[in-house]
Amino acid sequence: MLDVEGISAAYGRIQALSNVSLKVSAGSIVALLGGNGAGKTTTLNTISRLVPLTAGSIRFEGQPLNRLQSHHVVKAGISQVPEGREVFRDMSVRENLDMGAYGRSDPAGVRSDLDRVFGYFPVLRDRLKQKAGTLSGGEQQMLLIARALMARPRLLLLDEPSLGLSPVLVQKIFDIIARLHADGLSILLVEQNAAVALAASQYAYILENGEIVLEGASDELRQNEAIKRTYLGS
């Protein structure tokens, strides 16, 4: 589905990614793990075409993305959920969801998808007129995911969905991620909580200093002694 081959990216003279390759098969959850500054968010932003490539190629369902602008990547079927509660704070919940459907020209489909996201996030139906900036942290994370779903993606790029949330809310968010996956959505998951990410995914890549240093089935990586020591605290 998604084929990232040997991509590199830089911020000025600072090399952020070096020869990164990864794949996401249709219907799978793939985790991308690593510490702060490892290049995880840059990888997602490069796939979304928010950060320019200096080398390599990105293909989605056979279509090259290298030269596409970010809004064309969304139209191609990829939506990104950014880290850091980046809701439109002064806009209502409904307006945020409408922004997710920006560019669509199928009003009936948009209404249907709105009902669908309320099935995943019923609390948002009760908050439609509320300003997004007044929502709790967990509700803002739900809104971010719901907003991305309004573009009707086939691949969701999730950046640190557990960041700053209580263990109870983390479990709730990952229960929803499991439902989305069960309903056929493919997911590339960036997450610092390695235990949760490896439990949720089928395959994982470990990123250090902008390079992939290890990859494998998530169940196998959970048993890897180096992974246990570095990322699982055991």
C-alpha atoms as a PDB file:
ATOM      1  CA  MET A   1       0.000   0.000   0.000  1.00  0.00           C
ATOM      2  CA  LEU A   2       2.624   2.531   1.164  1.00  0.00           C
ATOM      3  CA  ASP A   3       6.189   2.059  -0.034  1.00  0.00           C
ATOM      4  CA  VAL A   4       8.836   4.418   1.308  1.00  0.00           C
ATOM      5  CA  GLU A   5      12.206   3.738  -0.295  1.00  0.00           C
ATOM      6  CA  GLY A   6      15.467   5.283   0.882  1.00  0.00           C
ATOM      7  CA  ILE A   7      14.121   8.717   1.748  1.00  0.00           C
ATOM      8  CA  SER A   8      16.308  11.453   3.171  1.00  0.00           C
ATOM      9  CA  ALA A   9      15.290  14.890   4.422  1.00  0.00           C
ATOM     10  CA  ALA A  10      17.025  17.862   6.002  1.00  0.00           C
ATOM     11  CA  TYR A  11      16.276  21.117   7.767  1.00  0.00           C
ATOM     12  CA  GLY A  12      18.890  23.377   6.257  1.00  0.00           C
ATOM     13  CA  ARG A  13      22.240  21.767   7.079  1.00  0.00           C
ATOM     14  CA  ILE A  14      20.725  19.448   9.682  1.00  0.00           C
ATOM     15  CA  GLN A  15      20.174  15.951   8.296  1.00  0.00           C
ATOM     16  CA  ALA A  16      16.878  14.714   9.756  1.00  0.00           C
ATOM     17  CA  LEU A  17      16.404  11.441   7.828  1.00  0.00           C
ATOM     18  CA  SER A  18      18.943   9.234   6.085  1.00  0.00           C
ATOM     19  CA  ASN A  19      17.944   6.415   3.729  1.00  0.00           C
ATOM     20  CA  VAL A  20      14.715   5.516   5.543  1.00  0.00           C
ATOM     21  CA  SER A  21      12.673   2.682   4.025  1.00  0.00           C
ATOM     22  CA  LEU A  22       9.413   1.255   5.333  1.00  0.00           C
ATOM     23  CA  LYS A  23       6.227  -0.372   4.108  1.00  0.00           C
ATOM     24  CA  VAL A  24       2.618  -0.403   5.251  1.00  0.00           C
ATOM     25  CA  SER A  25       0.521  -3.230   3.855  1.00  0.00           C
ATOM     26  CA  ALA A  26      -3.197  -2.719   3.294  1.00  0.00           C
ATOM     27  CA  GLY A  27      -5.208  -3.461   6.424  1.00  0.00           C
ATOM     28  CA  SER A  28      -2.241  -3.356   8.808  1.00  0.00           C
ATOM     29  CA  ILE A  29      -1.042  -1.220  11.707  1.00  0.00           C
ATOM     30  CA  VAL A  30       2.677  -0.455  11.491  1.00  0.00           C
ATOM     31  CA  ALA A  31       4.461   1.278  14.363  1.00  0.00           C
ATOM     32  CA  LEU A  32       7.393   3.659  14.045  1.00  0.00           C
ATOM     33  CA  LEU A  33       9.235   3.918  17.358  1.00  0.00           C
ATOM     34  CA  GLY A  34      12.144   5.940  18.643  1.00  0.00           C
ATOM     35  CA  GLY A  35      13.207   8.536  21.165  1.00  0.00           C
ATOM     36  CA  ASN A  36      12.819  12.298  21.011  1.00  0.00           C
ATOM     37  CA  GLY A  37      14.510  13.726  17.935  1.00  0.00           C
ATOM     38  CA  ALA A  38      14.812  10.357  16.217  1.00  0.00           C
ATOM     39  CA  GLY A  39      12.970  11.621  13.123  1.00  0.00           C
ATOM     40  CA  LYS A  40       9.550  10.029  13.604  1.00  0.00           C
ATOM     41  CA  THR A  41       7.467  13.135  12.998  1.00  0.00           C
ATOM     42  CA  THR A  42       9.723  14.168  10.142  1.00  0.00           C
ATOM     43  CA  THR A  43       9.062  10.805   8.509  1.00  0.00           C
ATOM     44  CA  LEU A  44       5.304  11.370   8.667  1.00  0.00           C
ATOM     45  CA  ASN A  45       5.642  14.955   7.477  1.00  0.00           C
ATOM     46  CA  THR A  46       7.766  13.819   4.571  1.00  0.00           C
ATOM     47  CA  ILE A  47       5.185  11.209   3.555  1.00  0.00           C
ATOM     48  CA  SER A  48       2.493  13.920   3.770  1.00  0.00           C
ATOM     49  CA  ARG A  49       4.724  16.184   1.638  1.00  0.00           C
ATOM     50  CA  LEU A  50       5.038  18.823   4.334  1.00  0.00           C
ATOM     51  CA  VAL A  51       8.821  18.335   4.367  1.00  0.00           C
ATOM     52  CA  PRO A  52      10.732  18.080   1.059  1.00  0.00           C
ATOM     53  CA  LEU A  53      12.703  14.994   0.119  1.00  0.00           C
ATOM     54  CA  THR A  54      16.388  15.217  -0.645  1.00  0.00           C
ATOM     55  CA  ALA A  55      16.536  11.593  -1.833  1.00  0.00           C
ATOM     56  CA  GLY A  56      14.381   8.501  -2.189  1.00  0.00           C
ATOM     57  CA  SER A  57      10.801   7.849  -3.259  1.00  0.00           C
ATOM     58  CA  ILE A  58       7.336   7.496  -1.762  1.00  0.00           C
ATOM     59  CA  ARG A  59       4.549   5.539  -3.440  1.00  0.00           C
ATOM     60  CA  PHE A  60       0.986   5.017  -2.281  1.00  0.00           C
ATOM     61  CA  GLU A  61      -1.057   2.307  -3.981  1.00  0.00           C
ATOM     62  CA  GLY A  62       1.421   2.516  -6.830  1.00  0.00           C
ATOM     63  CA  GLN A  63       1.121   6.279  -7.231  1.00  0.00           C
ATOM     64  CA  PRO A  64       4.311   8.336  -6.746  1.00  0.00           C
ATOM     65  CA  LEU A  65       3.914  11.075  -4.137  1.00  0.00           C
ATOM     66  CA  ASN A  66       7.299  12.777  -4.489  1.00  0.00           C
ATOM     67  CA  ARG A  67       6.052  15.736  -6.490  1.00  0.00           C
ATOM     68  CA  LEU A  68       2.594  16.081  -4.964  1.00  0.00           C
ATOM     69  CA  GLN A  69       1.537  18.939  -2.724  1.00  0.00           C
ATOM     70  CA  SER A  70       0.169  18.017   0.686  1.00  0.00           C
ATOM     71  CA  HIS A  71      -3.514  18.606  -0.195  1.00  0.00           C
ATOM     72  CA  HIS A  72      -3.146  16.257  -3.157  1.00  0.00           C
ATOM     73  CA  VAL A  73      -1.753  13.598  -0.800  1.00  0.00           C
ATOM     74  CA  VAL A  74      -4.965  13.921   1.241  1.00  0.00           C
ATOM     75  CA  LYS A  75      -7.024  13.526  -1.925  1.00  0.00           C
ATOM     76  CA  ALA A  76      -4.958  10.444  -2.791  1.00  0.00           C
ATOM     77  CA  GLY A  77      -6.167   8.808   0.439  1.00  0.00           C
ATOM     78  CA  ILE A  78      -3.689   9.672   3.216  1.00  0.00           C
ATOM     79  CA  SER A  79      -4.634  11.753   6.265  1.00  0.00           C
ATOM     80  CA  GLN A  80      -2.268  12.757   9.050  1.00  0.00           C
ATOM     81  CA  VAL A  81      -3.214  13.305  12.693  1.00  0.00           C
ATOM     82  CA  PRO A  82      -0.573  15.697  14.071  1.00  0.00           C
ATOM     83  CA  GLU A  83       0.847  15.558  17.560  1.00  0.00           C
ATOM     84  CA  GLY A  84       0.248  18.289  20.100  1.00  0.00           C
ATOM     85  CA  ARG A  85      -3.542  18.798  20.027  1.00  0.00           C
ATOM     86  CA  GLU A  86      -3.444  20.912  16.858  1.00  0.00           C
ATOM     87  CA  VAL A  87      -7.158  21.586  16.703  1.00  0.00           C
ATOM     88  CA  PHE A  88      -8.471  24.889  15.371  1.00  0.00           C
ATOM     89  CA  ARG A  89      -8.993  26.215  18.868  1.00  0.00           C
ATOM     90  CA  ASP A  90     -11.266  29.187  18.102  1.00  0.00           C
ATOM     91  CA  MET A  91     -13.495  27.167  15.786  1.00  0.00           C
ATOM     92  CA  SER A  92     -16.324  24.922  16.939  1.00  0.00           C
ATOM     93  CA  VAL A  93     -16.112  21.157  16.929  1.00  0.00           C
ATOM     94  CA  ARG A  94     -18.448  21.109  13.909  1.00  0.00           C
ATOM     95  CA  GLU A  95     -16.275  23.622  12.060  1.00  0.00           C
ATOM     96  CA  ASN A  96     -13.179  21.511  12.775  1.00  0.00           C
ATOM     97  CA  LEU A  97     -14.921  18.451  11.345  1.00  0.00           C
ATOM     98  CA  ASP A  98     -16.038  20.446   8.299  1.00  0.00           C
ATOM     99  CA  MET A  99     -12.403  21.445   7.736  1.00  0.00           C
ATOM    100  CA  GLY A 100     -11.513  17.765   7.618  1.00  0.00           C
ATOM    101  CA  ALA A 101     -13.927  17.373   4.706  1.00  0.00           C
ATOM    102  CA  TYR A 102     -12.565  20.449   2.914  1.00  0.00           C
ATOM    103  CA  GLY A 103     -12.253  19.787  -0.801  1.00  0.00           C
ATOM    104  CA  ARG A 104     -14.870  17.041  -0.893  1.00  0.00           C
ATOM    105  CA  SER A 105     -17.808  17.546  -3.250  1.00  0.00           C
ATOM    106  CA  ASP A 106     -20.139  14.796  -2.030  1.00  0.00           C
ATOM    107  CA  PRO A 107     -22.464  16.319   0.613  1.00  0.00           C
ATOM    108  CA  ALA A 108     -24.328  13.052   1.164  1.00  0.00           C
ATOM    109  CA  GLY A 109     -21.056  11.219   1.727  1.00  0.00           C
ATOM    110  CA  VAL A 110     -19.872  13.899   4.135  1.00  0.00           C
ATOM    111  CA  ARG A 111     -23.071  13.598   6.171  1.00  0.00           C
ATOM    112  CA  SER A 112     -22.675   9.828   6.224  1.00  0.00           C
ATOM    113  CA  ASP A 113     -19.056  10.119   7.386  1.00  0.00           C
ATOM    114  CA  LEU A 114     -20.087  12.602  10.072  1.00  0.00           C
ATOM    115  CA  ASP A 115     -22.479  10.008  11.484  1.00  0.00           C
ATOM    116  CA  ARG A 116     -19.728   7.416  11.218  1.00  0.00           C
ATOM    117  CA  VAL A 117     -17.222   9.443  13.252  1.00  0.00           C
ATOM    118  CA  PHE A 118     -19.882  10.041  15.900  1.00  0.00           C
ATOM    119  CA  GLY A 119     -20.096   6.260  16.146  1.00  0.00           C
ATOM    120  CA  TYR A 120     -16.425   6.222  17.133  1.00  0.00           C
ATOM    121  CA  PHE A 121     -16.546   9.446  19.173  1.00  0.00           C
ATOM    122  CA  PRO A 122     -20.096   9.978  20.516  1.00  0.00           C
ATOM    123  CA  VAL A 123     -18.904  12.712  22.893  1.00  0.00           C
ATOM    124  CA  LEU A 124     -18.204  14.955  19.887  1.00  0.00           C
ATOM    125  CA  ARG A 125     -21.882  14.958  18.909  1.00  0.00           C
ATOM    126  CA  ASP A 126     -22.612  16.582  22.276  1.00  0.00           C
ATOM    127  CA  ARG A 127     -19.853  19.161  21.750  1.00  0.00           C
ATOM    128  CA  LEU A 128     -20.652  20.284  18.190  1.00  0.00           C
ATOM    129  CA  LYS A 129     -21.139  23.965  19.031  1.00  0.00           C
ATOM    130  CA  GLN A 130     -18.356  24.096  21.622  1.00  0.00           C
ATOM    131  CA  LYS A 131     -15.048  25.751  20.747  1.00  0.00           C
ATOM    132  CA  ALA A 132     -12.388  23.118  20.176  1.00  0.00           C
ATOM    133  CA  GLY A 133      -9.936  24.896  22.449  1.00  0.00           C
ATOM    134  CA  THR A 134     -12.220  24.363  25.429  1.00  0.00           C
ATOM    135  CA  LEU A 135     -12.298  20.571  25.072  1.00  0.00           C
ATOM    136  CA  SER A 136     -10.323  18.338  27.414  1.00  0.00           C
ATOM    137  CA  GLY A 137      -7.031  16.893  26.179  1.00  0.00           C
ATOM    138  CA  GLY A 138      -8.624  13.533  25.440  1.00  0.00           C
ATOM    139  CA  GLU A 139     -11.530  15.126  23.585  1.00  0.00           C
ATOM    140  CA  GLN A 140      -9.128  17.211  21.499  1.00  0.00           C
ATOM    141  CA  GLN A 141      -7.256  14.042  20.524  1.00  0.00           C
ATOM    142  CA  MET A 142     -10.556  12.444  19.534  1.00  0.00           C
ATOM    143  CA  LEU A 143     -11.422  15.522  17.470  1.00  0.00           C
ATOM    144  CA  LEU A 144      -8.072  15.382  15.675  1.00  0.00           C
ATOM    145  CA  ILE A 145      -8.661  11.769  14.659  1.00  0.00           C
ATOM    146  CA  ALA A 146     -12.280  12.473  13.715  1.00  0.00           C
ATOM    147  CA  ARG A 147     -11.231  15.477  11.615  1.00  0.00           C
ATOM    148  CA  ALA A 148      -8.751  13.323   9.716  1.00  0.00           C
ATOM    149  CA  LEU A 149     -11.399  10.656   9.136  1.00  0.00           C
ATOM    150  CA  MET A 150     -13.672  13.219   7.491  1.00  0.00           C
ATOM    151  CA  ALA A 151     -11.333  13.172   4.489  1.00  0.00           C
ATOM    152  CA  ARG A 152     -12.221   9.458   4.111  1.00  0.00           C
ATOM    153  CA  PRO A 153      -8.597   8.200   4.127  1.00  0.00           C
ATOM    154  CA  ARG A 154      -7.450   4.678   3.380  1.00  0.00           C
ATOM    155  CA  LEU A 155      -4.214   5.263   5.305  1.00  0.00           C
ATOM    156  CA  LEU A 156      -4.056   7.185   8.577  1.00  0.00           C
ATOM    157  CA  LEU A 157      -0.771   8.635   9.846  1.00  0.00           C
ATOM    158  CA  LEU A 158      -1.047   8.922  13.637  1.00  0.00           C
ATOM    159  CA  ASP A 159       1.551  11.034  15.442  1.00  0.00           C
ATOM    160  CA  GLU A 160       1.835  10.409  19.204  1.00  0.00           C
ATOM    161  CA  PRO A 161      -1.869   9.838  19.966  1.00  0.00           C
ATOM    162  CA  SER A 162      -1.119   9.034  23.645  1.00  0.00           C
ATOM    163  CA  LEU A 163       0.935  12.175  24.300  1.00  0.00           C
ATOM    164  CA  GLY A 164      -0.056  13.843  27.553  1.00  0.00           C
ATOM    165  CA  LEU A 165      -3.051  11.602  28.226  1.00  0.00           C
ATOM    166  CA  SER A 166      -3.851   9.627  31.353  1.00  0.00           C
ATOM    167  CA  PRO A 167      -3.551   5.817  31.189  1.00  0.00           C
ATOM    168  CA  VAL A 168      -7.353   5.536  31.095  1.00  0.00           C
ATOM    169  CA  LEU A 169      -7.600   7.884  28.104  1.00  0.00           C
ATOM    170  CA  VAL A 170      -4.668   6.188  26.365  1.00  0.00           C
ATOM    171  CA  GLN A 171      -6.546   2.896  26.592  1.00  0.00           C
ATOM    172  CA  LYS A 172      -9.686   4.551  25.252  1.00  0.00           C
ATOM    173  CA  ILE A 173      -7.851   6.077  22.280  1.00  0.00           C
ATOM    174  CA  PHE A 174      -6.173   2.782  21.438  1.00  0.00           C
ATOM    175  CA  ASP A 175      -9.484   0.939  21.709  1.00  0.00           C
ATOM    176  CA  ILE A 176     -10.766   3.318  19.024  1.00  0.00           C
ATOM    177  CA  ILE A 177      -7.638   2.743  16.934  1.00  0.00           C
ATOM    178  CA  ALA A 178      -8.324  -1.004  17.148  1.00  0.00           C
ATOM    179  CA  ARG A 179     -11.911  -0.398  15.951  1.00  0.00           C
ATOM    180  CA  LEU A 180     -10.695   1.699  13.027  1.00  0.00           C
ATOM    181  CA  HIS A 181      -8.280  -1.066  12.079  1.00  0.00           C
ATOM    182  CA  ALA A 182     -11.001  -3.710  12.377  1.00  0.00           C
ATOM    183  CA  ASP A 183     -13.126  -1.604  10.034  1.00  0.00           C
ATOM    184  CA  GLY A 184     -10.404  -1.783   7.387  1.00  0.00           C
ATOM    185  CA  LEU A 185      -8.306   1.350   7.906  1.00  0.00           C
ATOM    186  CA  SER A 186      -4.535   1.027   7.489  1.00  0.00           C
ATOM    187  CA  ILE A 187      -2.449   2.934  10.042  1.00  0.00           C
ATOM    188  CA  LEU A 188       1.142   4.127  10.382  1.00  0.00           C
ATOM    189  CA  LEU A 189       1.555   4.853  14.083  1.00  0.00           C
ATOM    190  CA  VAL A 190       4.274   7.039  15.588  1.00  0.00           C
ATOM    191  CA  GLU A 191       4.376   6.523  19.329  1.00  0.00           C
ATOM    192  CA  GLN A 192       6.839   6.910  22.203  1.00  0.00           C
ATOM    193  CA  ASN A 193       4.877   4.490  24.375  1.00  0.00           C
ATOM    194  CA  ALA A 194       6.530   1.436  22.868  1.00  0.00           C
ATOM    195  CA  ALA A 195       4.616  -1.116  24.934  1.00  0.00           C
ATOM    196  CA  VAL A 196       1.250   0.212  23.786  1.00  0.00           C
ATOM    197  CA  ALA A 197       2.398   0.638  20.180  1.00  0.00           C
ATOM    198  CA  LEU A 198       3.849  -2.868  19.900  1.00  0.00           C
ATOM    199  CA  ALA A 199       0.685  -4.348  21.410  1.00  0.00           C
ATOM    200  CA  ALA A 200      -1.469  -2.474  18.872  1.00  0.00           C
ATOM    201  CA  SER A 201       0.601  -3.102  15.731  1.00  0.00           C
ATOM    202  CA  GLN A 202       1.593  -6.066  13.597  1.00  0.00           C
ATOM    203  CA  TYR A 203       4.979  -4.766  12.429  1.00  0.00           C
ATOM    204  CA  ALA A 204       7.344  -2.095  13.732  1.00  0.00           C
ATOM    205  CA  TYR A 205      10.400  -0.069  12.788  1.00  0.00           C
ATOM    206  CA  ILE A 206      12.895   1.456  15.233  1.00  0.00           C
ATOM    207  CA  LEU A 207      14.281   4.846  14.249  1.00  0.00           C
ATOM    208  CA  GLU A 208      17.436   6.361  15.753  1.00  0.00           C
ATOM    209  CA  ASN A 209      19.122   9.557  14.620  1.00  0.00           C
ATOM    210  CA  GLY A 210      17.106   9.586  11.420  1.00  0.00           C
ATOM    211  CA  GLU A 211      17.923   6.004  10.428  1.00  0.00           C
ATOM    212  CA  ILE A 212      16.056   2.705  10.690  1.00  0.00           C
ATOM    213  CA  VAL A 213      18.153   0.518  12.981  1.00  0.00           C
ATOM    214  CA  LEU A 214      15.776  -2.411  13.521  1.00  0.00           C
ATOM    215  CA  GLU A 215      12.512  -3.776  12.168  1.00  0.00           C
ATOM    216  CA  GLY A 216      10.374  -6.847  12.608  1.00  0.00           C
ATOM    217  CA  ALA A 217       7.074  -8.334  13.669  1.00  0.00           C
ATOM    218  CA  SER A 218       5.805  -6.480  16.735  1.00  0.00           C
ATOM    219  CA  ASP A 219       5.460  -9.656  18.807  1.00  0.00           C
ATOM    220  CA  GLU A 220       9.090 -10.522  18.102  1.00  0.00           C
ATOM    221  CA  LEU A 221      10.355  -7.041  18.935  1.00  0.00           C
ATOM    222  CA  ARG A 222       8.532  -7.179  22.274  1.00  0.00           C
ATOM    223  CA  GLN A 223      10.778 -10.130  23.165  1.00  0.00           C
ATOM    224  CA  ASN A 224      13.986  -8.473  21.922  1.00  0.00           C
ATOM    225  CA  GLU A 225      16.273  -7.831  24.902  1.00  0.00           C
ATOM    226  CA  ALA A 226      17.653  -4.563  23.499  1.00  0.00           C
ATOM    227  CA  ILE A 227      14.138  -3.281  22.883  1.00  0.00           C
ATOM    228  CA  LYS A 228      13.097  -4.326  26.387  1.00  0.00           C
ATOM    229  CA  ARG A 229      16.014  -2.452  27.955  1.00  0.00           C
ATOM    230  CA  THR A 230      15.731   0.706  25.826  1.00  0.00           C
ATOM    231  CA  TYR A 231      12.018   1.125  25.224  1.00  0.00           C
ATOM    232  CA  LEU A 232      10.068  -1.147  27.566  1.00  0.00           C
ATOM    233  CA  GLY A 233      11.854  -0.392  30.807  1.00  0.00           C
ATOM    234  CA  SER A 234      12.763  -3.977  31.602  1.00  0.00           C
END
